[in-house]
Amino acid sequence: QTQLNDLINIKELVAQVVASKAVDNINVVAKERGDVVIH
């Protein structure tokens, strides 16, 4: 198992990874209005 010590905003992480890809055909749809956060 890996240590789960980070509080992650999924929407922000997804936006950062998508921006790093050299393509423009990725559509992101958020089904939740608020932040989606995980430990």
Full PDB file with SEQRES, HELIX, SHEET, SSBOND, CRYST1, ORIGX, SCALE, CONECT and MASTER records, all heavy atoms in Angstrom:
SEQRES   1 A   39  GLN THR GLN LEU ASN ASP LEU ILE ASN ILE LYS GLU LEU          
SEQRES   2 A   39  VAL ALA GLN VAL VAL ALA SER LYS ALA VAL ASP ASN ILE          
SEQRES   3 A   39  ASN VAL VAL ALA LYS GLU ARG GLY ASP VAL VAL ILE HIS          
HELIX    1 AA1 ILE A   10  SER A   20  1                                  11    
SHEET    1 AA1 2 ILE A   8  ASN A   9  0                                        
SHEET    2 AA1 2 VAL A  37  ILE A  38 -1                                        
CRYST1    1.000    1.000    1.000  90.00  90.00  90.00 P 1           1          
ORIGX1      1.000000  0.000000  0.000000        0.00000                         
ORIGX2      0.000000  1.000000  0.000000        0.00000                         
ORIGX3      0.000000  0.000000  1.000000        0.00000                         
SCALE1      1.000000  0.000000  0.000000        0.00000                         
SCALE2      0.000000  1.000000  0.000000        0.00000                         
SCALE3      0.000000  0.000000  1.000000        0.00000                         
ATOM      1  N   GLN A   1       0.834  -1.188   0.000  1.00  0.00           N  
ATOM      2  CA  GLN A   1       0.000   0.000   0.000  1.00  0.00           C  
ATOM      3  C   GLN A   1       0.879   1.251   0.000  1.00  0.00           C  
ATOM      4  O   GLN A   1       1.993   1.248   0.518  1.00  0.00           O  
ATOM      5  CB  GLN A   1      -0.908   0.015   1.224  1.00  0.00           C  
ATOM      6  CG  GLN A   1      -1.992  -1.063   1.206  1.00  0.00           C  
ATOM      7  CD  GLN A   1      -3.023  -0.818   0.123  1.00  0.00           C  
ATOM      8  OE1 GLN A   1      -3.080  -1.526  -0.862  1.00  0.00           O  
ATOM      9  NE2 GLN A   1      -3.825   0.212   0.321  1.00  0.00           N  
ATOM     10  N   THR A   2       0.370   2.317  -0.596  1.00  0.00           N  
ATOM     11  CA  THR A   2       1.083   3.591  -0.662  1.00  0.00           C  
ATOM     12  C   THR A   2       0.494   4.551   0.369  1.00  0.00           C  
ATOM     13  O   THR A   2      -0.713   4.532   0.635  1.00  0.00           O  
ATOM     14  CB  THR A   2       0.952   4.195  -2.073  1.00  0.00           C  
ATOM     15  OG1 THR A   2       1.540   3.294  -3.018  1.00  0.00           O  
ATOM     16  CG2 THR A   2       1.666   5.540  -2.163  1.00  0.00           C  
ATOM     17  N   GLN A   3       1.335   5.390   0.958  1.00  0.00           N  
ATOM     18  CA  GLN A   3       0.871   6.373   1.923  1.00  0.00           C  
ATOM     19  C   GLN A   3      -0.099   7.362   1.262  1.00  0.00           C  
ATOM     20  O   GLN A   3       0.176   7.883   0.179  1.00  0.00           O  
ATOM     21  CB  GLN A   3       2.058   7.141   2.504  1.00  0.00           C  
ATOM     22  CG  GLN A   3       2.992   6.287   3.347  1.00  0.00           C  
ATOM     23  CD  GLN A   3       2.305   5.769   4.605  1.00  0.00           C  
ATOM     24  OE1 GLN A   3       1.561   6.495   5.271  1.00  0.00           O  
ATOM     25  NE2 GLN A   3       2.544   4.523   4.934  1.00  0.00           N  
ATOM     26  N   LEU A   4      -1.231   7.605   1.939  1.00  0.00           N  
ATOM     27  CA  LEU A   4      -2.256   8.501   1.399  1.00  0.00           C  
ATOM     28  C   LEU A   4      -2.269   9.785   2.229  1.00  0.00           C  
ATOM     29  O   LEU A   4      -3.165  10.010   3.039  1.00  0.00           O  
ATOM     30  CB  LEU A   4      -3.622   7.810   1.424  1.00  0.00           C  
ATOM     31  CG  LEU A   4      -3.678   6.383   0.846  1.00  0.00           C  
ATOM     32  CD1 LEU A   4      -5.086   5.822   0.944  1.00  0.00           C  
ATOM     33  CD2 LEU A   4      -3.191   6.373  -0.609  1.00  0.00           C  
ATOM     34  N   ASN A   5      -1.288  10.628   2.013  1.00  0.00           N  
ATOM     35  CA  ASN A   5      -1.096  11.821   2.848  1.00  0.00           C  
ATOM     36  C   ASN A   5      -1.488  13.121   2.157  1.00  0.00           C  
ATOM     37  O   ASN A   5      -1.356  14.194   2.753  1.00  0.00           O  
ATOM     38  CB  ASN A   5       0.366  11.918   3.293  1.00  0.00           C  
ATOM     39  CG  ASN A   5       0.775  10.736   4.162  1.00  0.00           C  
ATOM     40  OD1 ASN A   5      -0.023  10.215   4.932  1.00  0.00           O  
ATOM     41  ND2 ASN A   5       2.026  10.306   4.020  1.00  0.00           N  
ATOM     42  N   ASP A   6      -1.962  13.058   0.912  1.00  0.00           N  
ATOM     43  CA  ASP A   6      -2.235  14.275   0.154  1.00  0.00           C  
ATOM     44  C   ASP A   6      -3.734  14.533   0.039  1.00  0.00           C  
ATOM     45  O   ASP A   6      -4.520  13.614  -0.221  1.00  0.00           O  
ATOM     46  CB  ASP A   6      -1.640  14.172  -1.258  1.00  0.00           C  
ATOM     47  CG  ASP A   6      -0.142  13.931  -1.235  1.00  0.00           C  
ATOM     48  OD1 ASP A   6       0.528  14.530  -0.379  1.00  0.00           O  
ATOM     49  OD2 ASP A   6       0.342  13.133  -2.062  1.00  0.00           O  
ATOM     50  N   LEU A   7      -4.116  15.780   0.221  1.00  0.00           N  
ATOM     51  CA  LEU A   7      -5.494  16.208  -0.015  1.00  0.00           C  
ATOM     52  C   LEU A   7      -5.564  16.721  -1.450  1.00  0.00           C  
ATOM     53  O   LEU A   7      -4.923  17.725  -1.789  1.00  0.00           O  
ATOM     54  CB  LEU A   7      -5.899  17.297   0.975  1.00  0.00           C  
ATOM     55  CG  LEU A   7      -7.403  17.613   1.076  1.00  0.00           C  
ATOM     56  CD1 LEU A   7      -8.165  16.393   1.568  1.00  0.00           C  
ATOM     57  CD2 LEU A   7      -7.626  18.803   2.000  1.00  0.00           C  
ATOM     58  N   ILE A   8      -6.328  16.047  -2.293  1.00  0.00           N  
ATOM     59  CA  ILE A   8      -6.302  16.303  -3.733  1.00  0.00           C  
ATOM     60  C   ILE A   8      -7.651  16.793  -4.223  1.00  0.00           C  
ATOM     61  O   ILE A   8      -8.682  16.155  -3.985  1.00  0.00           O  
ATOM     62  CB  ILE A   8      -5.921  15.020  -4.499  1.00  0.00           C  
ATOM     63  CG1 ILE A   8      -4.599  14.446  -3.956  1.00  0.00           C  
ATOM     64  CG2 ILE A   8      -5.810  15.299  -5.989  1.00  0.00           C  
ATOM     65  CD1 ILE A   8      -4.323  13.045  -4.450  1.00  0.00           C  
ATOM     66  N   ASN A   9      -7.638  17.915  -4.919  1.00  0.00           N  
ATOM     67  CA  ASN A   9      -8.821  18.412  -5.615  1.00  0.00           C  
ATOM     68  C   ASN A   9      -8.821  17.777  -7.005  1.00  0.00           C  
ATOM     69  O   ASN A   9      -7.997  18.113  -7.853  1.00  0.00           O  
ATOM     70  CB  ASN A   9      -8.781  19.933  -5.712  1.00  0.00           C  
ATOM     71  CG  ASN A   9     -10.063  20.510  -6.308  1.00  0.00           C  
ATOM     72  OD1 ASN A   9     -10.578  20.016  -7.296  1.00  0.00           O  
ATOM     73  ND2 ASN A   9     -10.568  21.581  -5.695  1.00  0.00           N  
ATOM     74  N   ILE A  10      -9.735  16.845  -7.234  1.00  0.00           N  
ATOM     75  CA  ILE A  10      -9.750  16.074  -8.481  1.00  0.00           C  
ATOM     76  C   ILE A  10      -9.933  16.974  -9.699  1.00  0.00           C  
ATOM     77  O   ILE A  10      -9.288  16.789 -10.734  1.00  0.00           O  
ATOM     78  CB  ILE A  10     -10.846  14.996  -8.441  1.00  0.00           C  
ATOM     79  CG1 ILE A  10     -10.513  13.932  -7.390  1.00  0.00           C  
ATOM     80  CG2 ILE A  10     -11.012  14.336  -9.810  1.00  0.00           C  
ATOM     81  CD1 ILE A  10      -9.278  13.130  -7.711  1.00  0.00           C  
ATOM     82  N   LYS A  11     -10.801  17.978  -9.595  1.00  0.00           N  
ATOM     83  CA  LYS A  11     -11.031  18.861 -10.741  1.00  0.00           C  
ATOM     84  C   LYS A  11      -9.761  19.602 -11.138  1.00  0.00           C  
ATOM     85  O   LYS A  11      -9.450  19.732 -12.323  1.00  0.00           O  
ATOM     86  CB  LYS A  11     -12.146  19.853 -10.408  1.00  0.00           C  
ATOM     87  CG  LYS A  11     -13.532  19.233 -10.289  1.00  0.00           C  
ATOM     88  CD  LYS A  11     -14.590  20.287 -10.033  1.00  0.00           C  
ATOM     89  CE  LYS A  11     -15.971  19.668  -9.923  1.00  0.00           C  
ATOM     90  NZ  LYS A  11     -17.021  20.686  -9.666  1.00  0.00           N  
ATOM     91  N   GLU A  12      -9.019  20.082 -10.146  1.00  0.00           N  
ATOM     92  CA  GLU A  12      -7.776  20.790 -10.439  1.00  0.00           C  
ATOM     93  C   GLU A  12      -6.735  19.861 -11.032  1.00  0.00           C  
ATOM     94  O   GLU A  12      -6.026  20.218 -11.992  1.00  0.00           O  
ATOM     95  CB  GLU A  12      -7.238  21.445  -9.166  1.00  0.00           C  
ATOM     96  CG  GLU A  12      -8.101  22.587  -8.642  1.00  0.00           C  
ATOM     97  CD  GLU A  12      -7.539  23.194  -7.372  1.00  0.00           C  
ATOM     98  OE1 GLU A  12      -6.501  22.673  -6.870  1.00  0.00           O  
ATOM     99  OE2 GLU A  12      -8.119  24.170  -6.873  1.00  0.00           O  
ATOM    100  N   LEU A  13      -6.613  18.658 -10.481  1.00  0.00           N  
ATOM    101  CA  LEU A  13      -5.633  17.695 -10.992  1.00  0.00           C  
ATOM    102  C   LEU A  13      -5.951  17.313 -12.434  1.00  0.00           C  
ATOM    103  O   LEU A  13      -5.062  17.261 -13.292  1.00  0.00           O  
ATOM    104  CB  LEU A  13      -5.596  16.457 -10.100  1.00  0.00           C  
ATOM    105  CG  LEU A  13      -4.572  15.383 -10.483  1.00  0.00           C  
ATOM    106  CD1 LEU A  13      -3.969  14.742  -9.237  1.00  0.00           C  
ATOM    107  CD2 LEU A  13      -5.219  14.291 -11.342  1.00  0.00           C  
ATOM    108  N   VAL A  14      -7.233  17.041 -12.710  1.00  0.00           N  
ATOM    109  CA  VAL A  14      -7.645  16.679 -14.068  1.00  0.00           C  
ATOM    110  C   VAL A  14      -7.318  17.812 -15.041  1.00  0.00           C  
ATOM    111  O   VAL A  14      -6.790  17.576 -16.137  1.00  0.00           O  
ATOM    112  CB  VAL A  14      -9.147  16.335 -14.105  1.00  0.00           C  
ATOM    113  CG1 VAL A  14      -9.661  16.310 -15.551  1.00  0.00           C  
ATOM    114  CG2 VAL A  14      -9.402  14.991 -13.444  1.00  0.00           C  
ATOM    115  N   ALA A  15      -7.601  19.046 -14.662  1.00  0.00           N  
ATOM    116  CA  ALA A  15      -7.333  20.188 -15.534  1.00  0.00           C  
ATOM    117  C   ALA A  15      -5.841  20.307 -15.837  1.00  0.00           C  
ATOM    118  O   ALA A  15      -5.448  20.585 -16.982  1.00  0.00           O  
ATOM    119  CB  ALA A  15      -7.848  21.469 -14.883  1.00  0.00           C  
ATOM    120  N   GLN A  16      -4.994  20.075 -14.841  1.00  0.00           N  
ATOM    121  CA  GLN A  16      -3.554  20.178 -15.036  1.00  0.00           C  
ATOM    122  C   GLN A  16      -3.035  19.098 -15.978  1.00  0.00           C  
ATOM    123  O   GLN A  16      -2.217  19.362 -16.862  1.00  0.00           O  
ATOM    124  CB  GLN A  16      -2.836  20.096 -13.682  1.00  0.00           C  
ATOM    125  CG  GLN A  16      -3.070  21.309 -12.795  1.00  0.00           C  
ATOM    126  CD  GLN A  16      -2.542  21.107 -11.389  1.00  0.00           C  
ATOM    127  OE1 GLN A  16      -1.922  20.098 -11.074  1.00  0.00           O  
ATOM    128  NE2 GLN A  16      -2.797  22.080 -10.511  1.00  0.00           N  
ATOM    129  N   VAL A  17      -3.509  17.856 -15.789  1.00  0.00           N  
ATOM    130  CA  VAL A  17      -3.040  16.755 -16.643  1.00  0.00           C  
ATOM    131  C   VAL A  17      -3.538  16.944 -18.074  1.00  0.00           C  
ATOM    132  O   VAL A  17      -2.781  16.739 -19.039  1.00  0.00           O  
ATOM    133  CB  VAL A  17      -3.506  15.400 -16.081  1.00  0.00           C  
ATOM    134  CG1 VAL A  17      -3.117  14.266 -17.038  1.00  0.00           C  
ATOM    135  CG2 VAL A  17      -2.894  15.146 -14.708  1.00  0.00           C  
ATOM    136  N   VAL A  18      -4.807  17.342 -18.237  1.00  0.00           N  
ATOM    137  CA  VAL A  18      -5.352  17.559 -19.578  1.00  0.00           C  
ATOM    138  C   VAL A  18      -4.558  18.647 -20.296  1.00  0.00           C  
ATOM    139  O   VAL A  18      -4.243  18.527 -21.490  1.00  0.00           O  
ATOM    140  CB  VAL A  18      -6.851  17.936 -19.505  1.00  0.00           C  
ATOM    141  CG1 VAL A  18      -7.350  18.434 -20.873  1.00  0.00           C  
ATOM    142  CG2 VAL A  18      -7.678  16.746 -19.056  1.00  0.00           C  
ATOM    143  N   ALA A  19      -4.203  19.728 -19.588  1.00  0.00           N  
ATOM    144  CA  ALA A  19      -3.453  20.827 -20.189  1.00  0.00           C  
ATOM    145  C   ALA A  19      -2.062  20.385 -20.641  1.00  0.00           C  
ATOM    146  O   ALA A  19      -1.488  20.974 -21.561  1.00  0.00           O  
ATOM    147  CB  ALA A  19      -3.336  21.979 -19.195  1.00  0.00           C  
ATOM    148  N   SER A  20      -1.528  19.323 -20.026  1.00  0.00           N  
ATOM    149  CA  SER A  20      -0.180  18.858 -20.371  1.00  0.00           C  
ATOM    150  C   SER A  20      -0.155  17.988 -21.624  1.00  0.00           C  
ATOM    151  O   SER A  20       0.916  17.716 -22.162  1.00  0.00           O  
ATOM    152  CB  SER A  20       0.421  18.075 -19.200  1.00  0.00           C  
ATOM    153  OG  SER A  20      -0.228  16.817 -19.032  1.00  0.00           O  
ATOM    154  N   LYS A  21      -1.313  17.553 -22.078  1.00  0.00           N  
ATOM    155  CA  LYS A  21      -1.385  16.694 -23.264  1.00  0.00           C  
ATOM    156  C   LYS A  21      -1.463  17.548 -24.524  1.00  0.00           C  
ATOM    157  O   LYS A  21      -2.157  18.557 -24.573  1.00  0.00           O  
ATOM    158  CB  LYS A  21      -2.602  15.760 -23.194  1.00  0.00           C  
ATOM    159  CG  LYS A  21      -2.643  14.891 -21.942  1.00  0.00           C  
ATOM    160  CD  LYS A  21      -1.455  13.971 -21.820  1.00  0.00           C  
ATOM    161  CE  LYS A  21      -1.513  13.146 -20.546  1.00  0.00           C  
ATOM    162  NZ  LYS A  21      -0.335  12.273 -20.371  1.00  0.00           N  
ATOM    163  N   ALA A  22      -0.760  17.136 -25.552  1.00  0.00           N  
ATOM    164  CA  ALA A  22      -0.686  17.912 -26.792  1.00  0.00           C  
ATOM    165  C   ALA A  22      -1.849  17.576 -27.727  1.00  0.00           C  
ATOM    166  O   ALA A  22      -1.652  17.297 -28.911  1.00  0.00           O  
ATOM    167  CB  ALA A  22       0.646  17.660 -27.479  1.00  0.00           C  
ATOM    168  N   VAL A  23      -3.061  17.570 -27.202  1.00  0.00           N  
ATOM    169  CA  VAL A  23      -4.264  17.311 -28.000  1.00  0.00           C  
ATOM    170  C   VAL A  23      -5.339  18.304 -27.579  1.00  0.00           C  
ATOM    171  O   VAL A  23      -5.312  18.849 -26.478  1.00  0.00           O  
ATOM    172  CB  VAL A  23      -4.770  15.865 -27.820  1.00  0.00           C  
ATOM    173  CG1 VAL A  23      -3.770  14.862 -28.359  1.00  0.00           C  
ATOM    174  CG2 VAL A  23      -5.065  15.572 -26.352  1.00  0.00           C  
ATOM    175  N   ASP A  24      -6.309  18.522 -28.462  1.00  0.00           N  
ATOM    176  CA  ASP A  24      -7.380  19.479 -28.156  1.00  0.00           C  
ATOM    177  C   ASP A  24      -8.766  18.860 -28.266  1.00  0.00           C  
ATOM    178  O   ASP A  24      -9.764  19.567 -28.416  1.00  0.00           O  
ATOM    179  CB  ASP A  24      -7.276  20.697 -29.071  1.00  0.00           C  
ATOM    180  CG  ASP A  24      -7.312  20.328 -30.554  1.00  0.00           C  
ATOM    181  OD1 ASP A  24      -7.522  19.125 -30.869  1.00  0.00           O  
ATOM    182  OD2 ASP A  24      -7.138  21.227 -31.385  1.00  0.00           O  
ATOM    183  N   ASN A  25      -8.838  17.531 -28.202  1.00  0.00           N  
ATOM    184  CA  ASN A  25     -10.132  16.862 -28.328  1.00  0.00           C  
ATOM    185  C   ASN A  25     -10.599  16.209 -27.028  1.00  0.00           C  
ATOM    186  O   ASN A  25     -11.397  15.275 -27.035  1.00  0.00           O  
ATOM    187  CB  ASN A  25     -10.076  15.805 -29.434  1.00  0.00           C  
ATOM    188  CG  ASN A  25      -9.045  14.708 -29.163  1.00  0.00           C  
ATOM    189  OD1 ASN A  25      -8.006  14.967 -28.551  1.00  0.00           O  
ATOM    190  ND2 ASN A  25      -9.331  13.498 -29.617  1.00  0.00           N  
ATOM    191  N   ILE A  26     -10.099  16.714 -25.892  1.00  0.00           N  
ATOM    192  CA  ILE A  26     -10.494  16.176 -24.588  1.00  0.00           C  
ATOM    193  C   ILE A  26     -11.542  17.087 -23.969  1.00  0.00           C  
ATOM    194  O   ILE A  26     -11.301  18.289 -23.771  1.00  0.00           O  
ATOM    195  CB  ILE A  26      -9.284  16.052 -23.637  1.00  0.00           C  
ATOM    196  CG1 ILE A  26      -8.206  15.159 -24.256  1.00  0.00           C  
ATOM    197  CG2 ILE A  26      -9.724  15.490 -22.287  1.00  0.00           C  
ATOM    198  CD1 ILE A  26      -6.923  15.096 -23.445  1.00  0.00           C  
ATOM    199  N   ASN A  27     -12.706  16.529 -23.689  1.00  0.00           N  
ATOM    200  CA  ASN A  27     -13.794  17.285 -23.088  1.00  0.00           C  
ATOM    201  C   ASN A  27     -13.989  16.845 -21.644  1.00  0.00           C  
ATOM    202  O   ASN A  27     -14.215  15.667 -21.381  1.00  0.00           O  
ATOM    203  CB  ASN A  27     -15.099  17.068 -23.864  1.00  0.00           C  
ATOM    204  CG  ASN A  27     -14.976  17.492 -25.311  1.00  0.00           C  
ATOM    205  OD1 ASN A  27     -14.359  18.509 -25.621  1.00  0.00           O  
ATOM    206  ND2 ASN A  27     -15.564  16.712 -26.219  1.00  0.00           N  
ATOM    207  N   VAL A  28     -13.882  17.781 -20.715  1.00  0.00           N  
ATOM    208  CA  VAL A  28     -14.046  17.483 -19.289  1.00  0.00           C  
ATOM    209  C   VAL A  28     -15.431  17.914 -18.838  1.00  0.00           C  
ATOM    210  O   VAL A  28     -15.841  19.063 -19.058  1.00  0.00           O  
ATOM    211  CB  VAL A  28     -12.968  18.193 -18.444  1.00  0.00           C  
ATOM    212  CG1 VAL A  28     -13.163  17.868 -16.967  1.00  0.00           C  
ATOM    213  CG2 VAL A  28     -11.570  17.784 -18.908  1.00  0.00           C  
ATOM    214  N   VAL A  29     -16.159  16.994 -18.201  1.00  0.00           N  
ATOM    215  CA  VAL A  29     -17.510  17.263 -17.711  1.00  0.00           C  
ATOM    216  C   VAL A  29     -17.537  16.990 -16.210  1.00  0.00           C  
ATOM    217  O   VAL A  29     -17.235  15.876 -15.772  1.00  0.00           O  
ATOM    218  CB  VAL A  29     -18.559  16.382 -18.421  1.00  0.00           C  
ATOM    219  CG1 VAL A  29     -19.954  16.659 -17.853  1.00  0.00           C  
ATOM    220  CG2 VAL A  29     -18.530  16.628 -19.924  1.00  0.00           C  
ATOM    221  N   ALA A  30     -17.864  18.011 -15.423  1.00  0.00           N  
ATOM    222  CA  ALA A  30     -17.973  17.856 -13.967  1.00  0.00           C  
ATOM    223  C   ALA A  30     -19.440  17.629 -13.601  1.00  0.00           C  
ATOM    224  O   ALA A  30     -20.290  18.489 -13.840  1.00  0.00           O  
ATOM    225  CB  ALA A  30     -17.432  19.091 -13.262  1.00  0.00           C  
ATOM    226  N   LYS A  31     -19.715  16.466 -13.033  1.00  0.00           N  
ATOM    227  CA  LYS A  31     -21.085  16.138 -12.636  1.00  0.00           C  
ATOM    228  C   LYS A  31     -21.454  16.760 -11.287  1.00  0.00           C  
ATOM    229  O   LYS A  31     -22.621  16.781 -10.913  1.00  0.00           O  
ATOM    230  CB  LYS A  31     -21.253  14.615 -12.576  1.00  0.00           C  
ATOM    231  CG  LYS A  31     -21.069  13.918 -13.923  1.00  0.00           C  
ATOM    232  CD  LYS A  31     -21.275  12.424 -13.784  1.00  0.00           C  
ATOM    233  CE  LYS A  31     -21.122  11.722 -15.121  1.00  0.00           C  
ATOM    234  NZ  LYS A  31     -21.314  10.245 -15.004  1.00  0.00           N  
ATOM    235  N   GLU A  32     -20.432  17.237 -10.561  1.00  0.00           N  
ATOM    236  CA  GLU A  32     -20.656  17.865  -9.257  1.00  0.00           C  
ATOM    237  C   GLU A  32     -20.343  19.362  -9.360  1.00  0.00           C  
ATOM    238  O   GLU A  32     -19.355  19.756  -9.963  1.00  0.00           O  
ATOM    239  CB  GLU A  32     -19.743  17.226  -8.196  1.00  0.00           C  
ATOM    240  CG  GLU A  32     -19.918  15.731  -8.028  1.00  0.00           C  
ATOM    241  CD  GLU A  32     -21.221  15.382  -7.347  1.00  0.00           C  
ATOM    242  OE1 GLU A  32     -21.676  16.184  -6.505  1.00  0.00           O  
ATOM    243  OE2 GLU A  32     -21.766  14.307  -7.647  1.00  0.00           O  
ATOM    244  N   ARG A  33     -21.195  20.183  -8.767  1.00  0.00           N  
ATOM    245  CA  ARG A  33     -20.962  21.625  -8.808  1.00  0.00           C  
ATOM    246  C   ARG A  33     -19.772  22.033  -7.940  1.00  0.00           C  
ATOM    247  O   ARG A  33     -18.986  22.896  -8.307  1.00  0.00           O  
ATOM    248  CB  ARG A  33     -22.217  22.370  -8.349  1.00  0.00           C  
ATOM    249  CG  ARG A  33     -23.386  22.276  -9.339  1.00  0.00           C  
ATOM    250  CD  ARG A  33     -24.525  23.173  -8.893  1.00  0.00           C  
ATOM    251  NE  ARG A  33     -25.614  23.152  -9.849  1.00  0.00           N  
ATOM    252  CZ  ARG A  33     -26.726  23.861  -9.728  1.00  0.00           C  
ATOM    253  NH1 ARG A  33     -26.894  24.649  -8.655  1.00  0.00           N  
ATOM    254  NH2 ARG A  33     -27.671  23.788 -10.642  1.00  0.00           N  
ATOM    255  N   GLY A  34     -19.673  21.453  -6.781  1.00  0.00           N  
ATOM    256  CA  GLY A  34     -18.582  21.797  -5.870  1.00  0.00           C  
ATOM    257  C   GLY A  34     -17.321  21.014  -6.164  1.00  0.00           C  
ATOM    258  O   GLY A  34     -17.232  20.246  -7.129  1.00  0.00           O  
ATOM    259  N   ASP A  35     -16.305  21.234  -5.326  1.00  0.00           N  
ATOM    260  CA  ASP A  35     -15.043  20.517  -5.476  1.00  0.00           C  
ATOM    261  C   ASP A  35     -15.213  19.039  -5.145  1.00  0.00           C  
ATOM    262  O   ASP A  35     -16.038  18.670  -4.312  1.00  0.00           O  
ATOM    263  CB  ASP A  35     -13.979  21.123  -4.556  1.00  0.00           C  
ATOM    264  CG  ASP A  35     -13.563  22.520  -5.001  1.00  0.00           C  
ATOM    265  OD1 ASP A  35     -13.705  22.814  -6.204  1.00  0.00           O  
ATOM    266  OD2 ASP A  35     -13.114  23.301  -4.147  1.00  0.00           O  
ATOM    267  N   VAL A  36     -14.429  18.219  -5.810  1.00  0.00           N  
ATOM    268  CA  VAL A  36     -14.374  16.786  -5.518  1.00  0.00           C  
ATOM    269  C   VAL A  36     -12.997  16.521  -4.928  1.00  0.00           C  
ATOM    270  O   VAL A  36     -11.988  16.596  -5.629  1.00  0.00           O  
ATOM    271  CB  VAL A  36     -14.606  15.937  -6.784  1.00  0.00           C  
ATOM    272  CG1 VAL A  36     -14.513  14.461  -6.451  1.00  0.00           C  
ATOM    273  CG2 VAL A  36     -15.948  16.273  -7.412  1.00  0.00           C  
ATOM    274  N   VAL A  37     -12.951  16.251  -3.628  1.00  0.00           N  
ATOM    275  CA  VAL A  37     -11.685  16.158  -2.904  1.00  0.00           C  
ATOM    276  C   VAL A  37     -11.500  14.752  -2.333  1.00  0.00           C  
ATOM    277  O   VAL A  37     -12.455  14.151  -1.828  1.00  0.00           O  
ATOM    278  CB  VAL A  37     -11.630  17.201  -1.773  1.00  0.00           C  
ATOM    279  CG1 VAL A  37     -10.329  17.083  -0.991  1.00  0.00           C  
ATOM    280  CG2 VAL A  37     -11.791  18.611  -2.337  1.00  0.00           C  
ATOM    281  N   ILE A  38     -10.278  14.241  -2.423  1.00  0.00           N  
ATOM    282  CA  ILE A  38      -9.961  12.936  -1.858  1.00  0.00           C  
ATOM    283  C   ILE A  38      -8.670  13.017  -1.054  1.00  0.00           C  
ATOM    284  O   ILE A  38      -7.835  13.897  -1.277  1.00  0.00           O  
ATOM    285  CB  ILE A  38      -9.798  11.849  -2.950  1.00  0.00           C  
ATOM    286  CG1 ILE A  38      -8.640  12.213  -3.904  1.00  0.00           C  
ATOM    287  CG2 ILE A  38     -11.093  11.643  -3.709  1.00  0.00           C  
ATOM    288  CD1 ILE A  38      -8.305  11.116  -4.890  1.00  0.00           C  
ATOM    289  N   HIS A  39      -8.527  12.102  -0.103  1.00  0.00           N  
ATOM    290  CA  HIS A  39      -7.258  11.895   0.604  1.00  0.00           C  
ATOM    291  C   HIS A  39      -6.570  10.721  -0.075  1.00  0.00           C  
ATOM    292  O   HIS A  39      -7.054   9.591  -0.019  1.00  0.00           O  
ATOM    293  CB  HIS A  39      -7.509  11.568   2.075  1.00  0.00           C  
ATOM    294  CG  HIS A  39      -7.069  12.645   3.005  1.00  0.00           C  
ATOM    295  ND1 HIS A  39      -7.914  13.253   3.902  1.00  0.00           N  
ATOM    296  CD2 HIS A  39      -5.866  13.243   3.162  1.00  0.00           C  
ATOM    297  CE1 HIS A  39      -7.263  14.176   4.588  1.00  0.00           C  
ATOM    298  NE2 HIS A  39      -6.017  14.188   4.157  1.00  0.00           N  
TER     299      HIS A  39                                                      
MASTER        0    0    0    1    2    0    0    6  298    1    0    3          
END                                                                             
